Amino acid sequence: MRDETDFRGILQRQARWPLAAGALALAALALPLAVDPRLGAYFVARAELLYCGIATLILAGLAAHAPHRRFGAANTVTLSRIVLICLLAALLGTAEPDEDCLWLVAGLAALALGLDGVDGWAARRSGLASRFGARFDMEADAFFVLVLSVLAWQWGKVGPWVLLIGAMRYLYVLAGAAWPWLRGPVPDSFARKAVCVIQILVLIACLAPLVPHALAATLAAGALAALSWSFGRDIVWLWRQQRRLVA
């Protein structure tokens, strides 16, 4: 227990600098956008409050990064994605922006997606892969998908059913509270990773001004079908594992 506390303290001190830099970067990105009256006077505050909440969760979970004593480049890359996602999340509840702003939103989302391919590579290259890093990356992906799906619905590009894409991961976690066997580990899968990337790409495309509503709905329906298949495959695999243990 003492070793775990020592690791957490060391890592928390290490993480304070990148977390503070992230808050400053978020403010630098949000302030120019806040001059648009459609975003409201509290746009920057919403982004920063959300970021602070996530930063608190990061600090609380750092013990799972042991035995590493450095926050590491990979986690810093994931944190950069969190900065961009918080900026997008601060748009929730706002009116649909003009075409230029929509392109900016799509560009920021595409940048966040591009960084998703860097953090895992950086963790393996630096030898700093950990349970914390894997969970941090996964939760960043889930939050990203949730934000994009809400924006696609909020701005009228797709119907409210698109929220199922963003909610799927969280519904799966809730189901695990009722059926503990759903919380078991699943084997690594390229198909699962591909579906994750596809749904993010589709949601970004839905937000792009050039994509008409009908096409956005068709693409989102395909993404939802692929995501349902991916989760369904994992659920069937876990159910079979549970049956073998019971038998």
C-alpha atoms as a PDB file:
ATOM      1  CA  MET A   1       0.000   0.000   0.000  1.00  0.00           C
ATOM      2  CA  ARG A   2       2.839   2.377   0.851  1.00  0.00           C
ATOM      3  CA  ASP A   3       4.556   1.651  -2.486  1.00  0.00           C
ATOM      4  CA  GLU A   4       1.315   2.439  -4.311  1.00  0.00           C
ATOM      5  CA  THR A   5       0.974   5.719  -2.387  1.00  0.00           C
ATOM      6  CA  ASP A   6       4.601   6.634  -3.179  1.00  0.00           C
ATOM      7  CA  PHE A   7       4.098   5.920  -6.883  1.00  0.00           C
ATOM      8  CA  ARG A   8       0.910   7.976  -6.936  1.00  0.00           C
ATOM      9  CA  GLY A   9       2.637  10.925  -5.268  1.00  0.00           C
ATOM     10  CA  ILE A  10       5.577  10.833  -7.676  1.00  0.00           C
ATOM     11  CA  LEU A  11       3.328  10.532 -10.708  1.00  0.00           C
ATOM     12  CA  GLN A  12       0.993  13.267  -9.526  1.00  0.00           C
ATOM     13  CA  ARG A  13       3.929  15.650  -9.202  1.00  0.00           C
ATOM     14  CA  GLN A  14       5.089  14.611 -12.671  1.00  0.00           C
ATOM     15  CA  ALA A  15       1.626  15.101 -14.151  1.00  0.00           C
ATOM     16  CA  ARG A  16       1.004  18.589 -12.775  1.00  0.00           C
ATOM     17  CA  TRP A  17       3.118  20.296 -15.415  1.00  0.00           C
ATOM     18  CA  PRO A  18       1.505  18.689 -18.498  1.00  0.00           C
ATOM     19  CA  LEU A  19      -1.931  19.142 -16.903  1.00  0.00           C
ATOM     20  CA  ALA A  20      -1.240  22.843 -16.307  1.00  0.00           C
ATOM     21  CA  ALA A  21       0.098  23.204 -19.854  1.00  0.00           C
ATOM     22  CA  GLY A  22      -3.084  21.567 -21.136  1.00  0.00           C
ATOM     23  CA  ALA A  23      -5.241  24.082 -19.278  1.00  0.00           C
ATOM     24  CA  LEU A  24      -3.263  26.958 -20.795  1.00  0.00           C
ATOM     25  CA  ALA A  25      -3.447  25.450 -24.279  1.00  0.00           C
ATOM     26  CA  LEU A  26      -7.208  25.008 -23.925  1.00  0.00           C
ATOM     27  CA  ALA A  27      -7.627  28.651 -22.916  1.00  0.00           C
ATOM     28  CA  ALA A  28      -5.481  29.761 -25.859  1.00  0.00           C
ATOM     29  CA  LEU A  29      -7.688  27.782 -28.251  1.00  0.00           C
ATOM     30  CA  ALA A  30     -11.009  28.759 -26.663  1.00  0.00           C
ATOM     31  CA  LEU A  31     -10.501  32.488 -26.223  1.00  0.00           C
ATOM     32  CA  PRO A  32     -10.449  33.350 -29.974  1.00  0.00           C
ATOM     33  CA  LEU A  33     -13.644  31.335 -30.453  1.00  0.00           C
ATOM     34  CA  ALA A  34     -15.375  32.975 -27.495  1.00  0.00           C
ATOM     35  CA  VAL A  35     -15.652  36.282 -29.360  1.00  0.00           C
ATOM     36  CA  ASP A  36     -18.434  34.684 -31.432  1.00  0.00           C
ATOM     37  CA  PRO A  37     -21.661  35.719 -29.623  1.00  0.00           C
ATOM     38  CA  ARG A  38     -23.313  32.427 -30.603  1.00  0.00           C
ATOM     39  CA  LEU A  39     -20.947  30.550 -28.315  1.00  0.00           C
ATOM     40  CA  GLY A  40     -21.896  32.539 -25.254  1.00  0.00           C
ATOM     41  CA  ALA A  41     -19.846  34.386 -22.681  1.00  0.00           C
ATOM     42  CA  TYR A  42     -19.088  31.248 -20.684  1.00  0.00           C
ATOM     43  CA  PHE A  43     -17.630  29.166 -23.519  1.00  0.00           C
ATOM     44  CA  VAL A  44     -14.086  29.280 -22.112  1.00  0.00           C
ATOM     45  CA  ALA A  45     -15.316  28.604 -18.571  1.00  0.00           C
ATOM     46  CA  ARG A  46     -17.288  25.532 -19.722  1.00  0.00           C
ATOM     47  CA  ALA A  47     -14.245  24.137 -21.496  1.00  0.00           C
ATOM     48  CA  GLU A  48     -11.948  24.753 -18.539  1.00  0.00           C
ATOM     49  CA  LEU A  49     -14.372  23.360 -15.941  1.00  0.00           C
ATOM     50  CA  LEU A  50     -14.758  20.188 -17.961  1.00  0.00           C
ATOM     51  CA  TYR A  51     -10.991  19.901 -18.365  1.00  0.00           C
ATOM     52  CA  CYS A  52     -10.455  20.400 -14.615  1.00  0.00           C
ATOM     53  CA  GLY A  53     -12.907  17.600 -13.863  1.00  0.00           C
ATOM     54  CA  ILE A  54     -11.073  15.237 -16.182  1.00  0.00           C
ATOM     55  CA  ALA A  55      -7.692  16.342 -14.779  1.00  0.00           C
ATOM     56  CA  THR A  56      -8.932  15.435 -11.303  1.00  0.00           C
ATOM     57  CA  LEU A  57      -9.851  11.946 -12.497  1.00  0.00           C
ATOM     58  CA  ILE A  58      -6.434  11.604 -14.142  1.00  0.00           C
ATOM     59  CA  LEU A  59      -4.631  12.452 -10.915  1.00  0.00           C
ATOM     60  CA  ALA A  60      -6.821  10.022  -8.970  1.00  0.00           C
ATOM     61  CA  GLY A  61      -6.084   7.141 -11.340  1.00  0.00           C
ATOM     62  CA  LEU A  62      -2.334   7.578 -11.774  1.00  0.00           C
ATOM     63  CA  ALA A  63      -1.484   4.744  -9.376  1.00  0.00           C
ATOM     64  CA  ALA A  64      -2.342   2.339 -12.223  1.00  0.00           C
ATOM     65  CA  HIS A  65       0.622   3.765 -14.174  1.00  0.00           C
ATOM     66  CA  ALA A  66       3.044   2.084 -11.744  1.00  0.00           C
ATOM     67  CA  PRO A  67       5.799   0.973 -11.774  1.00  0.00           C
ATOM     68  CA  HIS A  68       6.586   3.851 -14.153  1.00  0.00           C
ATOM     69  CA  ARG A  69       7.669   7.053 -12.470  1.00  0.00           C
ATOM     70  CA  ARG A  70       7.167   9.351 -15.488  1.00  0.00           C
ATOM     71  CA  PHE A  71       3.895  10.624 -16.911  1.00  0.00           C
ATOM     72  CA  GLY A  72       5.400  10.004 -20.331  1.00  0.00           C
ATOM     73  CA  ALA A  73       5.007  11.263 -23.875  1.00  0.00           C
ATOM     74  CA  ALA A  74       2.161   8.869 -24.677  1.00  0.00           C
ATOM     75  CA  ASN A  75      -0.044  10.145 -21.846  1.00  0.00           C
ATOM     76  CA  THR A  76       0.858  13.706 -22.840  1.00  0.00           C
ATOM     77  CA  VAL A  77      -0.393  12.985 -26.363  1.00  0.00           C
ATOM     78  CA  THR A  78      -3.641  11.570 -24.951  1.00  0.00           C
ATOM     79  CA  LEU A  79      -3.915  14.674 -22.778  1.00  0.00           C
ATOM     80  CA  SER A  80      -3.564  16.804 -25.922  1.00  0.00           C
ATOM     81  CA  ARG A  81      -6.535  14.917 -27.339  1.00  0.00           C
ATOM     82  CA  ILE A  82      -8.468  15.670 -24.147  1.00  0.00           C
ATOM     83  CA  VAL A  83      -7.758  19.384 -24.651  1.00  0.00           C
ATOM     84  CA  LEU A  84      -9.261  19.248 -28.147  1.00  0.00           C
ATOM     85  CA  ILE A  85     -12.211  17.133 -27.012  1.00  0.00           C
ATOM     86  CA  CYS A  86     -12.987  19.542 -24.156  1.00  0.00           C
ATOM     87  CA  LEU A  87     -12.963  22.394 -26.654  1.00  0.00           C
ATOM     88  CA  LEU A  88     -15.516  20.513 -28.761  1.00  0.00           C
ATOM     89  CA  ALA A  89     -17.539  19.521 -25.699  1.00  0.00           C
ATOM     90  CA  ALA A  90     -17.863  23.189 -24.728  1.00  0.00           C
ATOM     91  CA  LEU A  91     -19.943  23.587 -27.911  1.00  0.00           C
ATOM     92  CA  LEU A  92     -22.677  21.368 -26.468  1.00  0.00           C
ATOM     93  CA  GLY A  93     -25.833  23.392 -25.952  1.00  0.00           C
ATOM     94  CA  THR A  94     -24.845  26.086 -28.462  1.00  0.00           C
ATOM     95  CA  ALA A  95     -26.567  27.030 -31.702  1.00  0.00           C
ATOM     96  CA  GLU A  96     -25.271  25.637 -34.975  1.00  0.00           C
ATOM     97  CA  PRO A  97     -22.266  27.746 -36.033  1.00  0.00           C
ATOM     98  CA  ASP A  98     -21.616  29.121 -39.492  1.00  0.00           C
ATOM     99  CA  GLU A  99     -19.904  27.124 -42.225  1.00  0.00           C
ATOM    100  CA  ASP A 100     -16.400  28.359 -41.399  1.00  0.00           C
ATOM    101  CA  CYS A 101     -16.784  27.330 -37.774  1.00  0.00           C
ATOM    102  CA  LEU A 102     -18.159  23.934 -38.797  1.00  0.00           C
ATOM    103  CA  TRP A 103     -15.045  23.337 -40.879  1.00  0.00           C
ATOM    104  CA  LEU A 104     -12.940  24.353 -37.881  1.00  0.00           C
ATOM    105  CA  VAL A 105     -14.836  21.898 -35.674  1.00  0.00           C
ATOM    106  CA  ALA A 106     -14.317  19.114 -38.206  1.00  0.00           C
ATOM    107  CA  GLY A 107     -10.624  20.014 -38.463  1.00  0.00           C
ATOM    108  CA  LEU A 108     -10.101  19.960 -34.692  1.00  0.00           C
ATOM    109  CA  ALA A 109     -11.915  16.628 -34.473  1.00  0.00           C
ATOM    110  CA  ALA A 110      -9.758  15.214 -37.278  1.00  0.00           C
ATOM    111  CA  LEU A 111      -6.630  16.371 -35.426  1.00  0.00           C
ATOM    112  CA  ALA A 112      -7.839  14.645 -32.248  1.00  0.00           C
ATOM    113  CA  LEU A 113      -8.419  11.463 -34.246  1.00  0.00           C
ATOM    114  CA  GLY A 114      -4.960  11.697 -35.818  1.00  0.00           C
ATOM    115  CA  LEU A 115      -3.335  11.954 -32.399  1.00  0.00           C
ATOM    116  CA  ASP A 116      -5.138   8.756 -31.399  1.00  0.00           C
ATOM    117  CA  GLY A 117      -2.705   6.830 -33.563  1.00  0.00           C
ATOM    118  CA  VAL A 118       0.314   8.373 -31.844  1.00  0.00           C
ATOM    119  CA  ASP A 119      -0.154   7.704 -28.130  1.00  0.00           C
ATOM    120  CA  GLY A 120      -0.099   3.901 -28.325  1.00  0.00           C
ATOM    121  CA  TRP A 121       2.988   3.968 -30.539  1.00  0.00           C
ATOM    122  CA  ALA A 122       4.708   6.394 -28.158  1.00  0.00           C
ATOM    123  CA  ALA A 123       3.896   4.188 -25.144  1.00  0.00           C
ATOM    124  CA  ARG A 124       5.388   1.100 -26.756  1.00  0.00           C
ATOM    125  CA  ARG A 125       8.432   2.948 -28.048  1.00  0.00           C
ATOM    126  CA  SER A 126       9.198   4.522 -24.663  1.00  0.00           C
ATOM    127  CA  GLY A 127       8.467   1.363 -22.670  1.00  0.00           C
ATOM    128  CA  LEU A 128       5.876   3.241 -20.596  1.00  0.00           C
ATOM    129  CA  ALA A 129       2.790   1.222 -21.527  1.00  0.00           C
ATOM    130  CA  SER A 130       0.518   0.700 -18.508  1.00  0.00           C
ATOM    131  CA  ARG A 131      -3.035  -0.086 -17.409  1.00  0.00           C
ATOM    132  CA  PHE A 132      -3.516   3.617 -16.756  1.00  0.00           C
ATOM    133  CA  GLY A 133      -2.410   4.595 -20.262  1.00  0.00           C
ATOM    134  CA  ALA A 134      -4.659   2.007 -21.899  1.00  0.00           C
ATOM    135  CA  ARG A 135      -7.651   3.097 -19.802  1.00  0.00           C
ATOM    136  CA  PHE A 136      -6.879   6.788 -20.383  1.00  0.00           C
ATOM    137  CA  ASP A 137      -6.831   6.227 -24.143  1.00  0.00           C
ATOM    138  CA  MET A 138     -10.029   4.159 -24.096  1.00  0.00           C
ATOM    139  CA  GLU A 139     -11.968   6.669 -22.010  1.00  0.00           C
ATOM    140  CA  ALA A 140     -10.756   9.528 -24.216  1.00  0.00           C
ATOM    141  CA  ASP A 141     -12.112   7.651 -27.249  1.00  0.00           C
ATOM    142  CA  ALA A 142     -15.460   6.999 -25.567  1.00  0.00           C
ATOM    143  CA  PHE A 143     -15.859  10.628 -24.506  1.00  0.00           C
ATOM    144  CA  PHE A 144     -14.841  11.805 -27.993  1.00  0.00           C
ATOM    145  CA  VAL A 145     -17.493   9.641 -29.649  1.00  0.00           C
ATOM    146  CA  LEU A 146     -20.124  10.839 -27.174  1.00  0.00           C
ATOM    147  CA  VAL A 147     -19.345  14.511 -27.852  1.00  0.00           C
ATOM    148  CA  LEU A 148     -19.368  14.057 -31.642  1.00  0.00           C
ATOM    149  CA  SER A 149     -22.657  12.160 -31.611  1.00  0.00           C
ATOM    150  CA  VAL A 150     -24.342  14.821 -29.471  1.00  0.00           C
ATOM    151  CA  LEU A 151     -23.078  17.576 -31.778  1.00  0.00           C
ATOM    152  CA  ALA A 152     -24.333  15.683 -34.851  1.00  0.00           C
ATOM    153  CA  TRP A 153     -27.795  15.481 -33.267  1.00  0.00           C
ATOM    154  CA  GLN A 154     -27.743  18.954 -31.707  1.00  0.00           C
ATOM    155  CA  TRP A 155     -27.001  20.666 -35.008  1.00  0.00           C
ATOM    156  CA  GLY A 156     -29.638  18.681 -36.867  1.00  0.00           C
ATOM    157  CA  LYS A 157     -27.365  16.608 -39.109  1.00  0.00           C
ATOM    158  CA  VAL A 158     -28.705  13.258 -37.803  1.00  0.00           C
ATOM    159  CA  GLY A 159     -31.741  12.231 -35.761  1.00  0.00           C
ATOM    160  CA  PRO A 160     -31.634  11.565 -32.006  1.00  0.00           C
ATOM    161  CA  TRP A 161     -30.886   7.870 -32.605  1.00  0.00           C
ATOM    162  CA  VAL A 162     -27.274   8.869 -33.371  1.00  0.00           C
ATOM    163  CA  LEU A 163     -26.869   9.311 -29.602  1.00  0.00           C
ATOM    164  CA  LEU A 164     -26.797   5.500 -29.386  1.00  0.00           C
ATOM    165  CA  ILE A 165     -23.332   5.610 -30.962  1.00  0.00           C
ATOM    166  CA  GLY A 166     -22.023   7.831 -28.197  1.00  0.00           C
ATOM    167  CA  ALA A 167     -23.920   6.024 -25.440  1.00  0.00           C
ATOM    168  CA  MET A 168     -23.039   2.445 -26.448  1.00  0.00           C
ATOM    169  CA  ARG A 169     -19.841   2.200 -24.394  1.00  0.00           C
ATOM    170  CA  TYR A 170     -21.500   3.652 -21.301  1.00  0.00           C
ATOM    171  CA  LEU A 171     -24.543   1.388 -21.633  1.00  0.00           C
ATOM    172  CA  TYR A 172     -22.147  -1.550 -21.845  1.00  0.00           C
ATOM    173  CA  VAL A 173     -20.445  -0.449 -18.611  1.00  0.00           C
ATOM    174  CA  LEU A 174     -23.833  -0.087 -16.872  1.00  0.00           C
ATOM    175  CA  ALA A 175     -24.831  -3.558 -18.060  1.00  0.00           C
ATOM    176  CA  GLY A 176     -21.656  -4.860 -16.433  1.00  0.00           C
ATOM    177  CA  ALA A 177     -23.014  -3.741 -13.057  1.00  0.00           C
ATOM    178  CA  ALA A 178     -25.971  -6.096 -13.508  1.00  0.00           C
ATOM    179  CA  TRP A 179     -24.062  -8.919 -15.202  1.00  0.00           C
ATOM    180  CA  PRO A 180     -20.489  -9.061 -13.814  1.00  0.00           C
ATOM    181  CA  TRP A 181     -19.320 -11.443 -16.535  1.00  0.00           C
ATOM    182  CA  LEU A 182     -19.538  -8.509 -18.961  1.00  0.00           C
ATOM    183  CA  ARG A 183     -16.662  -6.876 -17.060  1.00  0.00           C
ATOM    184  CA  GLY A 184     -14.266  -9.629 -18.073  1.00  0.00           C
ATOM    185  CA  PRO A 185     -11.319  -8.918 -20.390  1.00  0.00           C
ATOM    186  CA  VAL A 186     -11.765  -9.504 -24.108  1.00  0.00           C
ATOM    187  CA  PRO A 187      -8.995 -10.502 -26.524  1.00  0.00           C
ATOM    188  CA  ASP A 188      -7.276  -7.770 -28.486  1.00  0.00           C
ATOM    189  CA  SER A 189      -8.985  -7.226 -31.829  1.00  0.00           C
ATOM    190  CA  PHE A 190      -7.999  -5.249 -34.916  1.00  0.00           C
ATOM    191  CA  ALA A 191     -11.659  -5.243 -35.988  1.00  0.00           C
ATOM    192  CA  ARG A 192     -12.682  -3.543 -32.732  1.00  0.00           C
ATOM    193  CA  LYS A 193     -10.075  -0.828 -33.234  1.00  0.00           C
ATOM    194  CA  ALA A 194     -11.116  -0.385 -36.873  1.00  0.00           C
ATOM    195  CA  VAL A 195     -14.777   0.054 -35.886  1.00  0.00           C
ATOM    196  CA  CYS A 196     -13.760   2.694 -33.331  1.00  0.00           C
ATOM    197  CA  VAL A 197     -11.865   4.662 -35.973  1.00  0.00           C
ATOM    198  CA  ILE A 198     -14.681   4.274 -38.509  1.00  0.00           C
ATOM    199  CA  GLN A 199     -17.356   5.613 -36.190  1.00  0.00           C
ATOM    200  CA  ILE A 200     -15.240   8.664 -35.329  1.00  0.00           C
ATOM    201  CA  LEU A 201     -14.517   9.311 -39.019  1.00  0.00           C
ATOM    202  CA  VAL A 202     -18.216   9.005 -39.825  1.00  0.00           C
ATOM    203  CA  LEU A 203     -19.261  11.406 -37.060  1.00  0.00           C
ATOM    204  CA  ILE A 204     -16.653  13.936 -38.185  1.00  0.00           C
ATOM    205  CA  ALA A 205     -17.963  13.622 -41.737  1.00  0.00           C
ATOM    206  CA  CYS A 206     -21.510  14.180 -40.466  1.00  0.00           C
ATOM    207  CA  LEU A 207     -20.414  17.529 -39.016  1.00  0.00           C
ATOM    208  CA  ALA A 208     -18.716  18.672 -42.230  1.00  0.00           C
ATOM    209  CA  PRO A 209     -20.778  21.304 -44.106  1.00  0.00           C
ATOM    210  CA  LEU A 210     -20.497  19.532 -47.468  1.00  0.00           C
ATOM    211  CA  VAL A 211     -22.181  16.345 -46.227  1.00  0.00           C
ATOM    212  CA  PRO A 212     -25.983  16.600 -46.712  1.00  0.00           C
ATOM    213  CA  HIS A 213     -28.381  15.386 -44.046  1.00  0.00           C
ATOM    214  CA  ALA A 214     -29.469  12.280 -45.965  1.00  0.00           C
ATOM    215  CA  LEU A 215     -25.900  11.120 -46.505  1.00  0.00           C
ATOM    216  CA  ALA A 216     -24.995  11.905 -42.884  1.00  0.00           C
ATOM    217  CA  ALA A 217     -27.889   9.758 -41.673  1.00  0.00           C
ATOM    218  CA  THR A 218     -26.890   6.884 -43.961  1.00  0.00           C
ATOM    219  CA  LEU A 219     -23.266   6.996 -42.831  1.00  0.00           C
ATOM    220  CA  ALA A 220     -24.244   7.198 -39.168  1.00  0.00           C
ATOM    221  CA  ALA A 221     -26.622   4.244 -39.545  1.00  0.00           C
ATOM    222  CA  GLY A 222     -23.780   2.194 -41.007  1.00  0.00           C
ATOM    223  CA  ALA A 223     -21.484   3.220 -38.154  1.00  0.00           C
ATOM    224  CA  LEU A 224     -24.133   2.270 -35.579  1.00  0.00           C
ATOM    225  CA  ALA A 225     -24.590  -1.131 -37.233  1.00  0.00           C
ATOM    226  CA  ALA A 226     -20.826  -1.766 -37.191  1.00  0.00           C
ATOM    227  CA  LEU A 227     -20.575  -0.687 -33.555  1.00  0.00           C
ATOM    228  CA  SER A 228     -23.497  -2.925 -32.570  1.00  0.00           C
ATOM    229  CA  TRP A 229     -21.812  -5.857 -34.306  1.00  0.00           C
ATOM    230  CA  SER A 230     -18.526  -5.150 -32.500  1.00  0.00           C
ATOM    231  CA  PHE A 231     -20.127  -4.981 -29.057  1.00  0.00           C
ATOM    232  CA  GLY A 232     -22.343  -7.959 -29.855  1.00  0.00           C
ATOM    233  CA  ARG A 233     -19.331 -10.059 -30.821  1.00  0.00           C
ATOM    234  CA  ASP A 234     -17.568  -9.233 -27.538  1.00  0.00           C
ATOM    235  CA  ILE A 235     -20.721  -9.976 -25.523  1.00  0.00           C
ATOM    236  CA  VAL A 236     -21.135 -13.378 -27.194  1.00  0.00           C
ATOM    237  CA  TRP A 237     -17.465 -14.194 -26.553  1.00  0.00           C
ATOM    238  CA  LEU A 238     -17.757 -13.254 -22.865  1.00  0.00           C
ATOM    239  CA  TRP A 239     -21.011 -15.217 -22.524  1.00  0.00           C
ATOM    240  CA  ARG A 240     -19.340 -18.320 -23.936  1.00  0.00           C
ATOM    241  CA  GLN A 241     -16.424 -17.885 -21.538  1.00  0.00           C
ATOM    242  CA  GLN A 242     -18.890 -17.625 -18.670  1.00  0.00           C
ATOM    243  CA  ARG A 243     -20.682 -20.786 -19.814  1.00  0.00           C
ATOM    244  CA  ARG A 244     -17.382 -22.692 -19.878  1.00  0.00           C
ATOM    245  CA  LEU A 245     -16.601 -21.618 -16.314  1.00  0.00           C
ATOM    246  CA  VAL A 246     -20.027 -22.612 -15.053  1.00  0.00           C
ATOM    247  CA  ALA A 247     -20.037 -25.974 -16.863  1.00  0.00           C
END
